[in-house]
PDB file of N, CA and C in Angstrom:
ATOM      1  N   MET A   1      32.106 -25.119 -18.670  1.00  0.00           N
ATOM      2  CA  MET A   1      31.709 -23.711 -18.165  1.00  0.00           C
ATOM      3  C   MET A   1      32.538 -23.359 -16.918  1.00  0.00           C
ATOM      4  N   SER A   2      33.681 -22.411 -16.805  1.00  0.00           N
ATOM      5  CA  SER A   2      33.655 -22.052 -15.798  1.00  0.00           C
ATOM      6  C   SER A   2      33.192 -20.953 -15.004  1.00  0.00           C
ATOM      7  N   VAL A   3      32.876 -20.636 -13.792  1.00  0.00           N
ATOM      8  CA  VAL A   3      32.320 -19.828 -13.114  1.00  0.00           C
ATOM      9  C   VAL A   3      33.604 -18.391 -13.270  1.00  0.00           C
ATOM     10  N   GLN A   4      33.249 -17.250 -13.257  1.00  0.00           N
ATOM     11  CA  GLN A   4      34.147 -16.064 -13.168  1.00  0.00           C
ATOM     12  C   GLN A   4      34.182 -15.808 -11.890  1.00  0.00           C
ATOM     13  N   PRO A   5      35.299 -15.410 -11.172  1.00  0.00           N
ATOM     14  CA  PRO A   5      35.444 -14.852  -9.687  1.00  0.00           C
ATOM     15  C   PRO A   5      35.028 -13.932  -9.642  1.00  0.00           C
ATOM     16  N   GLU A   6      34.161 -13.535  -8.454  1.00  0.00           N
ATOM     17  CA  GLU A   6      33.658 -11.843  -7.997  1.00  0.00           C
ATOM     18  C   GLU A   6      34.598 -11.414  -7.591  1.00  0.00           C
ATOM     19  N   ILE A   7      34.784 -10.316  -7.437  1.00  0.00           N
ATOM     20  CA  ILE A   7      35.425  -9.207  -6.917  1.00  0.00           C
ATOM     21  C   ILE A   7      34.369  -7.921  -6.315  1.00  0.00           C
ATOM     22  N   THR A   8      34.849  -7.698  -5.005  1.00  0.00           N
ATOM     23  CA  THR A   8      33.914  -6.443  -4.752  1.00  0.00           C
ATOM     24  C   THR A   8      34.432  -5.076  -5.243  1.00  0.00           C
ATOM     25  N   GLN A   9      33.563  -4.029  -5.321  1.00  0.00           N
ATOM     26  CA  GLN A   9      34.165  -3.058  -5.646  1.00  0.00           C
ATOM     27  C   GLN A   9      35.303  -2.484  -5.031  1.00  0.00           C
ATOM     28  N   ARG A  10      35.413  -2.478  -4.007  1.00  0.00           N
ATOM     29  CA  ARG A  10      36.546  -2.288  -3.125  1.00  0.00           C
ATOM     30  C   ARG A  10      37.726  -3.156  -3.520  1.00  0.00           C
ATOM     31  N   ASP A  11      37.551  -4.156  -3.612  1.00  0.00           N
ATOM     32  CA  ASP A  11      38.757  -5.061  -3.975  1.00  0.00           C
ATOM     33  C   ASP A  11      39.339  -4.440  -5.282  1.00  0.00           C
ATOM     34  N   LEU A  12      38.593  -4.052  -6.406  1.00  0.00           N
ATOM     35  CA  LEU A  12      39.076  -3.593  -7.530  1.00  0.00           C
ATOM     36  C   LEU A  12      39.520  -2.282  -7.451  1.00  0.00           C
ATOM     37  N   ARG A  13      39.323  -1.587  -6.050  1.00  0.00           N
ATOM     38  CA  ARG A  13      39.938  -0.504  -5.839  1.00  0.00           C
ATOM     39  C   ARG A  13      41.315  -0.381  -5.093  1.00  0.00           C
ATOM     40  N   ASN A  14      41.536  -1.291  -4.480  1.00  0.00           N
ATOM     41  CA  ASN A  14      42.614  -1.746  -3.484  1.00  0.00           C
ATOM     42  C   ASN A  14      43.586  -2.547  -4.286  1.00  0.00           C
ATOM     43  N   ARG A  15      43.178  -3.414  -4.839  1.00  0.00           N
ATOM     44  CA  ARG A  15      44.020  -4.345  -5.376  1.00  0.00           C
ATOM     45  C   ARG A  15      44.224  -4.283  -7.179  1.00  0.00           C
ATOM     46  N   SER A  16      43.951  -3.095  -7.963  1.00  0.00           N
ATOM     47  CA  SER A  16      43.858  -2.611  -9.362  1.00  0.00           C
ATOM     48  C   SER A  16      44.968  -3.270  -9.899  1.00  0.00           C
ATOM     49  N   ARG A  17      46.093  -3.301  -9.471  1.00  0.00           N
ATOM     50  CA  ARG A  17      47.187  -3.866 -10.242  1.00  0.00           C
ATOM     51  C   ARG A  17      47.003  -5.295 -10.684  1.00  0.00           C
ATOM     52  N   GLU A  18      47.198  -5.837  -9.344  1.00  0.00           N
ATOM     53  CA  GLU A  18      47.192  -7.444  -9.373  1.00  0.00           C
ATOM     54  C   GLU A  18      45.830  -7.981 -10.225  1.00  0.00           C
ATOM     55  N   ILE A  19      44.696  -7.174 -10.220  1.00  0.00           N
ATOM     56  CA  ILE A  19      43.374  -7.437 -10.853  1.00  0.00           C
ATOM     57  C   ILE A  19      44.009  -7.198 -12.359  1.00  0.00           C
ATOM     58  N   MET A  20      44.226  -5.924 -12.730  1.00  0.00           N
ATOM     59  CA  MET A  20      44.663  -5.498 -14.331  1.00  0.00           C
ATOM     60  C   MET A  20      45.704  -6.913 -14.757  1.00  0.00           C
ATOM     61  N   ASP A  21      46.869  -7.314 -13.862  1.00  0.00           N
ATOM     62  CA  ASP A  21      47.582  -7.921 -14.302  1.00  0.00           C
ATOM     63  C   ASP A  21      46.825  -9.489 -14.687  1.00  0.00           C
ATOM     64  N   ALA A  22      45.843  -9.838 -13.798  1.00  0.00           N
ATOM     65  CA  ALA A  22      45.170 -11.046 -13.972  1.00  0.00           C
ATOM     66  C   ALA A  22      44.209 -10.872 -15.325  1.00  0.00           C
ATOM     67  N   ILE A  23      43.714  -9.828 -15.394  1.00  0.00           N
ATOM     68  CA  ILE A  23      43.235  -9.648 -16.868  1.00  0.00           C
ATOM     69  C   ILE A  23      43.863  -9.638 -18.045  1.00  0.00           C
ATOM     70  N   GLN A  24      45.268  -9.108 -17.737  1.00  0.00           N
ATOM     71  CA  GLN A  24      45.849  -9.463 -18.989  1.00  0.00           C
ATOM     72  C   GLN A  24      46.387 -10.584 -19.188  1.00  0.00           C
ATOM     73  N   GLY A  25      46.495 -11.322 -18.271  1.00  0.00           N
ATOM     74  CA  GLY A  25      46.684 -12.525 -18.229  1.00  0.00           C
ATOM     75  C   GLY A  25      45.617 -13.866 -19.034  1.00  0.00           C
ATOM     76  N   GLY A  26      44.510 -12.833 -19.222  1.00  0.00           N
ATOM     77  CA  GLY A  26      43.454 -13.840 -19.894  1.00  0.00           C
ATOM     78  C   GLY A  26      42.339 -14.459 -18.628  1.00  0.00           C
ATOM     79  N   GLN A  27      42.232 -13.475 -17.295  1.00  0.00           N
ATOM     80  CA  GLN A  27      41.187 -13.843 -16.588  1.00  0.00           C
ATOM     81  C   GLN A  27      40.352 -12.950 -16.243  1.00  0.00           C
ATOM     82  N   SER A  28      38.649 -13.722 -16.211  1.00  0.00           N
ATOM     83  CA  SER A  28      37.660 -12.214 -16.516  1.00  0.00           C
ATOM     84  C   SER A  28      37.254 -12.661 -14.896  1.00  0.00           C
ATOM     85  N   PHE A  29      36.447 -11.427 -14.490  1.00  0.00           N
ATOM     86  CA  PHE A  29      36.092 -10.830 -13.237  1.00  0.00           C
ATOM     87  C   PHE A  29      34.618 -10.552 -13.151  1.00  0.00           C
ATOM     88  N   THR A  30      34.002 -11.029 -12.444  1.00  0.00           N
ATOM     89  CA  THR A  30      32.765 -10.052 -12.382  1.00  0.00           C
ATOM     90  C   THR A  30      32.633  -9.128 -11.024  1.00  0.00           C
ATOM     91  N   VAL A  31      32.443  -8.018 -11.453  1.00  0.00           N
ATOM     92  CA  VAL A  31      32.578  -6.933 -10.328  1.00  0.00           C
ATOM     93  C   VAL A  31      31.200  -6.979  -9.220  1.00  0.00           C
ATOM     94  N   THR A  32      31.182  -6.744  -8.112  1.00  0.00           N
ATOM     95  CA  THR A  32      29.529  -6.693  -7.619  1.00  0.00           C
ATOM     96  C   THR A  32      29.918  -5.497  -6.541  1.00  0.00           C
ATOM     97  N   ARG A  33      28.416  -5.193  -6.176  1.00  0.00           N
ATOM     98  CA  ARG A  33      28.545  -3.772  -5.132  1.00  0.00           C
ATOM     99  C   ARG A  33      27.383  -4.124  -4.353  1.00  0.00           C
ATOM    100  N   ASP A  34      27.581  -4.094  -3.060  1.00  0.00           N
ATOM    101  CA  ASP A  34      26.726  -4.398  -1.825  1.00  0.00           C
ATOM    102  C   ASP A  34      25.955  -5.945  -2.189  1.00  0.00           C
ATOM    103  N   GLY A  35      26.962  -6.743  -2.684  1.00  0.00           N
ATOM    104  CA  GLY A  35      26.790  -8.095  -3.020  1.00  0.00           C
ATOM    105  C   GLY A  35      25.890  -8.177  -4.315  1.00  0.00           C
ATOM    106  N   HIS A  36      25.706  -7.271  -5.186  1.00  0.00           N
ATOM    107  CA  HIS A  36      24.982  -7.343  -6.403  1.00  0.00           C
ATOM    108  C   HIS A  36      26.048  -7.335  -7.650  1.00  0.00           C
ATOM    109  N   PRO A  37      25.811  -8.263  -8.614  1.00  0.00           N
ATOM    110  CA  PRO A  37      27.043  -8.203  -9.800  1.00  0.00           C
ATOM    111  C   PRO A  37      26.426  -7.034 -10.229  1.00  0.00           C
ATOM    112  N   ILE A  38      27.561  -6.007 -10.698  1.00  0.00           N
ATOM    113  CA  ILE A  38      27.270  -4.798 -11.567  1.00  0.00           C
ATOM    114  C   ILE A  38      27.896  -4.552 -12.846  1.00  0.00           C
ATOM    115  N   GLY A  39      29.048  -5.833 -13.138  1.00  0.00           N
ATOM    116  CA  GLY A  39      29.596  -5.548 -14.502  1.00  0.00           C
ATOM    117  C   GLY A  39      30.704  -6.721 -14.303  1.00  0.00           C
ATOM    118  N   GLU A  40      31.242  -6.709 -15.601  1.00  0.00           N
ATOM    119  CA  GLU A  40      32.185  -7.625 -16.025  1.00  0.00           C
ATOM    120  C   GLU A  40      33.648  -6.930 -16.600  1.00  0.00           C
ATOM    121  N   LEU A  41      34.749  -7.414 -15.615  1.00  0.00           N
ATOM    122  CA  LEU A  41      35.823  -7.259 -16.211  1.00  0.00           C
ATOM    123  C   LEU A  41      36.291  -8.454 -17.158  1.00  0.00           C
ATOM    124  N   VAL A  42      36.380  -8.257 -18.429  1.00  0.00           N
ATOM    125  CA  VAL A  42      36.950  -9.306 -19.407  1.00  0.00           C
ATOM    126  C   VAL A  42      38.514  -8.855 -20.257  1.00  0.00           C
ATOM    127  N   PRO A  43      39.134  -9.752 -20.550  1.00  0.00           N
ATOM    128  CA  PRO A  43      40.524  -9.315 -21.413  1.00  0.00           C
ATOM    129  C   PRO A  43      39.915  -8.872 -22.910  1.00  0.00           C
ATOM    130  N   LEU A  44      40.653  -7.806 -23.480  1.00  0.00           N
ATOM    131  CA  LEU A  44      40.309  -7.748 -24.784  1.00  0.00           C
ATOM    132  C   LEU A  44      40.830  -8.426 -25.506  1.00  0.00           C
ATOM    133  N   ARG A  45      40.276  -8.859 -26.847  1.00  0.00           N
ATOM    134  CA  ARG A  45      40.697  -9.911 -27.688  1.00  0.00           C
ATOM    135  C   ARG A  45      41.879  -9.377 -28.674  1.00  0.00           C
ATOM    136  N   ARG A  46      42.763  -9.983 -28.804  1.00  0.00           N
ATOM    137  CA  ARG A  46      44.126  -9.218 -29.175  1.00  0.00           C
ATOM    138  C   ARG A  46      43.903  -9.661 -30.735  1.00  0.00           C
ATOM    139  N   ARG A  47      43.991  -8.761 -31.866  1.00  0.00           N
ATOM    140  CA  ARG A  47      43.883  -8.910 -32.765  1.00  0.00           C
ATOM    141  C   ARG A  47      45.229  -8.579 -33.836  1.00  0.00           C
ATOM    142  N   ARG A  48      45.192  -9.584 -34.419  1.00  0.00           N
ATOM    143  CA  ARG A  48      46.853  -9.887 -35.595  1.00  0.00           C
ATOM    144  C   ARG A  48      46.382  -8.474 -36.415  1.00  0.00           C
ATOM    145  N   ARG A  49      47.364  -7.841 -36.900  1.00  0.00           N
ATOM    146  CA  ARG A  49      47.579  -6.929 -38.073  1.00  0.00           C
ATOM    147  C   ARG A  49      47.932  -7.318 -39.189  1.00  0.00           C
ATOM    148  N   PHE A  50      48.445  -8.361 -39.154  1.00  0.00           N
ATOM    149  CA  PHE A  50      49.775  -8.378 -40.286  1.00  0.00           C
ATOM    150  C   PHE A  50      49.541 -10.044 -40.629  1.00  0.00           C
ATOM    151  N   VAL A  51      49.211 -10.484 -41.717  1.00  0.00           N
ATOM    152  CA  VAL A  51      49.203 -11.671 -42.137  1.00  0.00           C
ATOM    153  C   VAL A  51      50.076 -11.904 -43.492  1.00  0.00           C
ATOM    154  N   SER A  52      50.985 -12.337 -43.048  1.00  0.00           N
ATOM    155  CA  SER A  52      52.209 -12.617 -44.493  1.00  0.00           C
ATOM    156  C   SER A  52      51.564 -13.217 -45.679  1.00  0.00           C
ATOM    157  N   ARG A  53      52.348 -13.262 -46.770  1.00  0.00           N
ATOM    158  CA  ARG A  53      51.982 -13.502 -47.896  1.00  0.00           C
ATOM    159  C   ARG A  53      51.611 -14.721 -48.071  1.00  0.00           C
ATOM    160  N   GLN A  54      52.820 -15.581 -47.776  1.00  0.00           N
ATOM    161  CA  GLN A  54      52.585 -17.432 -47.655  1.00  0.00           C
ATOM    162  C   GLN A  54      51.232 -17.662 -46.848  1.00  0.00           C
ATOM    163  N   GLU A  55      50.960 -16.931 -45.650  1.00  0.00           N
ATOM    164  CA  GLU A  55      49.697 -17.441 -44.859  1.00  0.00           C
ATOM    165  C   GLU A  55      48.362 -16.732 -45.351  1.00  0.00           C
ATOM    166  N   PHE A  56      48.283 -15.807 -46.050  1.00  0.00           N
ATOM    167  CA  PHE A  56      47.311 -15.737 -47.122  1.00  0.00           C
ATOM    168  C   PHE A  56      47.113 -16.863 -48.271  1.00  0.00           C
ATOM    169  N   ALA A  57      48.222 -17.039 -48.984  1.00  0.00           N
ATOM    170  CA  ALA A  57      47.830 -17.822 -49.720  1.00  0.00           C
ATOM    171  C   ALA A  57      47.608 -19.194 -49.434  1.00  0.00           C
ATOM    172  N   ALA A  58      48.149 -19.729 -48.300  1.00  0.00           N
ATOM    173  CA  ALA A  58      47.440 -20.972 -47.677  1.00  0.00           C
ATOM    174  C   ALA A  58      46.037 -20.831 -47.551  1.00  0.00           C
ATOM    175  N   MET A  59      45.532 -19.687 -46.563  1.00  0.00           N
ATOM    176  CA  MET A  59      44.349 -19.733 -46.169  1.00  0.00           C
ATOM    177  C   MET A  59      43.286 -19.344 -47.778  1.00  0.00           C
ATOM    178  N   SER A  60      43.504 -18.998 -48.939  1.00  0.00           N
ATOM    179  CA  SER A  60      42.853 -18.590 -50.062  1.00  0.00           C
ATOM    180  C   SER A  60      42.756 -20.404 -50.754  1.00  0.00           C
ATOM    181  N   ARG A  61      43.825 -20.955 -50.598  1.00  0.00           N
ATOM    182  CA  ARG A  61      43.837 -22.487 -51.241  1.00  0.00           C
ATOM    183  C   ARG A  61      42.699 -23.256 -50.584  1.00  0.00           C
ATOM    184  N   THR A  62      42.183 -22.546 -49.463  1.00  0.00           N
ATOM    185  CA  THR A  62      41.353 -23.797 -48.759  1.00  0.00           C
ATOM    186  C   THR A  62      40.341 -22.855 -48.726  1.00  0.00           C
ATOM    187  N   ALA A  63      40.006 -21.583 -49.179  1.00  0.00           N
ATOM    188  CA  ALA A  63      38.521 -21.154 -48.985  1.00  0.00           C
ATOM    189  C   ALA A  63      37.614 -21.416 -49.745  1.00  0.00           C
ATOM    190  N   PRO A  64      36.173 -21.429 -49.589  1.00  0.00           N
ATOM    191  CA  PRO A  64      35.485 -21.789 -50.816  1.00  0.00           C
ATOM    192  C   PRO A  64      35.382 -20.772 -51.946  1.00  0.00           C
ATOM    193  N   GLU A  65      34.603 -21.650 -52.746  1.00  0.00           N
ATOM    194  CA  GLU A  65      34.761 -20.793 -54.484  1.00  0.00           C
ATOM    195  C   GLU A  65      33.438 -20.059 -54.288  1.00  0.00           C
ATOM    196  N   VAL A  66      33.635 -18.776 -54.830  1.00  0.00           N
ATOM    197  CA  VAL A  66      32.486 -17.877 -54.421  1.00  0.00           C
ATOM    198  C   VAL A  66      31.914 -17.599 -55.906  1.00  0.00           C
ATOM    199  N   ASP A  67      30.495 -17.789 -55.798  1.00  0.00           N
ATOM    200  CA  ASP A  67      29.992 -17.842 -57.217  1.00  0.00           C
ATOM    201  C   ASP A  67      29.498 -16.348 -57.484  1.00  0.00           C
ATOM    202  N   LEU A  68      30.365 -16.118 -58.527  1.00  0.00           N
ATOM    203  CA  LEU A  68      29.979 -14.377 -58.241  1.00  0.00           C
ATOM    204  C   LEU A  68      28.435 -13.364 -58.714  1.00  0.00           C
ATOM    205  N   ASP A  69      27.711 -14.937 -59.711  1.00  0.00           N
ATOM    206  CA  ASP A  69      26.053 -14.267 -59.800  1.00  0.00           C
ATOM    207  C   ASP A  69      25.491 -14.343 -58.396  1.00  0.00           C
ATOM    208  N   THR A  70      25.691 -15.234 -57.792  1.00  0.00           N
ATOM    209  CA  THR A  70      25.142 -15.160 -56.226  1.00  0.00           C
ATOM    210  C   THR A  70      25.765 -13.937 -55.602  1.00  0.00           C
ATOM    211  N   PHE A  71      26.718 -13.831 -55.619  1.00  0.00           N
ATOM    212  CA  PHE A  71      27.152 -12.541 -54.735  1.00  0.00           C
ATOM    213  C   PHE A  71      26.868 -11.489 -55.016  1.00  0.00           C
ATOM    214  N   ARG A  72      26.714 -11.134 -56.249  1.00  0.00           N
ATOM    215  CA  ARG A  72      26.424  -9.741 -56.758  1.00  0.00           C
ATOM    216  C   ARG A  72      24.941  -9.509 -56.234  1.00  0.00           C
ATOM    217  N   ALA A  73      23.962 -10.867 -56.709  1.00  0.00           N
ATOM    218  CA  ALA A  73      22.726 -10.804 -56.021  1.00  0.00           C
ATOM    219  C   ALA A  73      22.390 -10.397 -54.753  1.00  0.00           C
ATOM    220  N   ASP A  74      23.058 -11.127 -54.047  1.00  0.00           N
ATOM    221  CA  ASP A  74      22.814 -10.762 -52.478  1.00  0.00           C
ATOM    222  C   ASP A  74      23.492  -9.284 -51.970  1.00  0.00           C
ATOM    223  N   GLN A  75      24.596  -8.620 -52.844  1.00  0.00           N
ATOM    224  CA  GLN A  75      24.738  -7.079 -52.896  1.00  0.00           C
ATOM    225  C   GLN A  75      23.625  -6.574 -53.272  1.00  0.00           C
ATOM    226  N   ASP A  76      23.007  -6.690 -54.438  1.00  0.00           N
ATOM    227  CA  ASP A  76      21.911  -5.731 -54.598  1.00  0.00           C
ATOM    228  C   ASP A  76      20.591  -5.908 -54.091  1.00  0.00           C
ATOM    229  N   ALA A  77      20.385  -7.213 -53.532  1.00  0.00           N
ATOM    230  CA  ALA A  77      19.191  -7.591 -52.453  1.00  0.00           C
ATOM    231  C   ALA A  77      19.542  -6.768 -51.195  1.00  0.00           C
ATOM    232  N   ALA A  78      20.640  -6.441 -50.891  1.00  0.00           N
ATOM    233  CA  ALA A  78      21.066  -5.829 -49.515  1.00  0.00           C
ATOM    234  C   ALA A  78      20.937  -4.426 -49.728  1.00  0.00           C
ATOM    235  N   MET A  79      21.142  -3.460 -50.474  1.00  0.00           N
ATOM    236  CA  MET A  79      21.311  -2.400 -50.989  1.00  0.00           C
ATOM    237  C   MET A  79      19.971  -1.757 -50.972  1.00  0.00           C
ATOM    238  N   ASP A  80      20.105  -0.479 -50.356  1.00  0.00           N
ATOM    239  CA  ASP A  80      19.128   0.593 -50.812  1.00  0.00           C
ATOM    240  C   ASP A  80      19.246   1.557 -51.434  1.00  0.00           C
ATOM    241  N   THR A  81      18.513   1.210 -52.537  1.00  0.00           N
ATOM    242  CA  THR A  81      18.446   1.997 -54.073  1.00  0.00           C
ATOM    243  C   THR A  81      17.720   3.212 -53.913  1.00  0.00           C
ATOM    244  N   SER A  82      17.038   3.630 -52.754  1.00  0.00           N
ATOM    245  CA  SER A  82      16.132   4.547 -52.818  1.00  0.00           C
ATOM    246  C   SER A  82      17.223   5.633 -52.742  1.00  0.00           C
ATOM    247  N   GLN A  83      16.760   6.994 -53.619  1.00  0.00           N
ATOM    248  CA  GLN A  83      17.621   8.317 -53.407  1.00  0.00           C
ATOM    249  C   GLN A  83      16.870   9.081 -52.871  1.00  0.00           C
ATOM    250  N   ASP A  84      17.232   9.350 -51.597  1.00  0.00           N
ATOM    251  CA  ASP A  84      16.349  10.330 -51.263  1.00  0.00           C
ATOM    252  C   ASP A  84      16.957  11.810 -51.175  1.00  0.00           C
ATOM    253  N   ASP A  85      16.521  12.824 -51.253  1.00  0.00           N
ATOM    254  CA  ASP A  85      17.147  14.524 -51.587  1.00  0.00           C
ATOM    255  C   ASP A  85      17.666  14.382 -50.435  1.00  0.00           C
ATOM    256  N   PRO A  86      18.849  14.811 -49.963  1.00  0.00           N
ATOM    257  CA  PRO A  86      19.253  15.297 -48.798  1.00  0.00           C
ATOM    258  C   PRO A  86      18.502  16.727 -48.286  1.00  0.00           C
ATOM    259  N   TYR A  87      18.066  17.765 -49.346  1.00  0.00           N
ATOM    260  CA  TYR A  87      17.527  18.966 -48.967  1.00  0.00           C
ATOM    261  C   TYR A  87      15.849  19.020 -48.723  1.00  0.00           C
ATOM    262  N   ALA A  88      15.668  17.935 -49.190  1.00  0.00           N
ATOM    263  CA  ALA A  88      13.995  17.506 -48.868  1.00  0.00           C
ATOM    264  C   ALA A  88      13.698  17.887 -47.390  1.00  0.00           C
ATOM    265  N   ARG A  89      12.522  18.431 -46.985  1.00  0.00           N
ATOM    266  CA  ARG A  89      11.872  18.579 -45.852  1.00  0.00           C
ATOM    267  C   ARG A  89      10.886  17.724 -45.679  1.00  0.00           C
TER     268      ARG A  89
END
């Protein structure tokens, strides 16, 4: 496990472009104030928005089979079946 480099609040203010470029490149930082860690700057995970039909088909072939009765029982167990009157006080 690698240790995140620490940067001071002042470094963040003075070198923000350089630091943001590093974050965009995958680097994380721990921000300190008066020598104490106060937060972390971490890159956001990028989500893919599109999966091709071929890729979906390939993933589906290796997906585990779903037992529909078990799936429905799990849904029923997780659902709140009580019906509250929204106008009751």
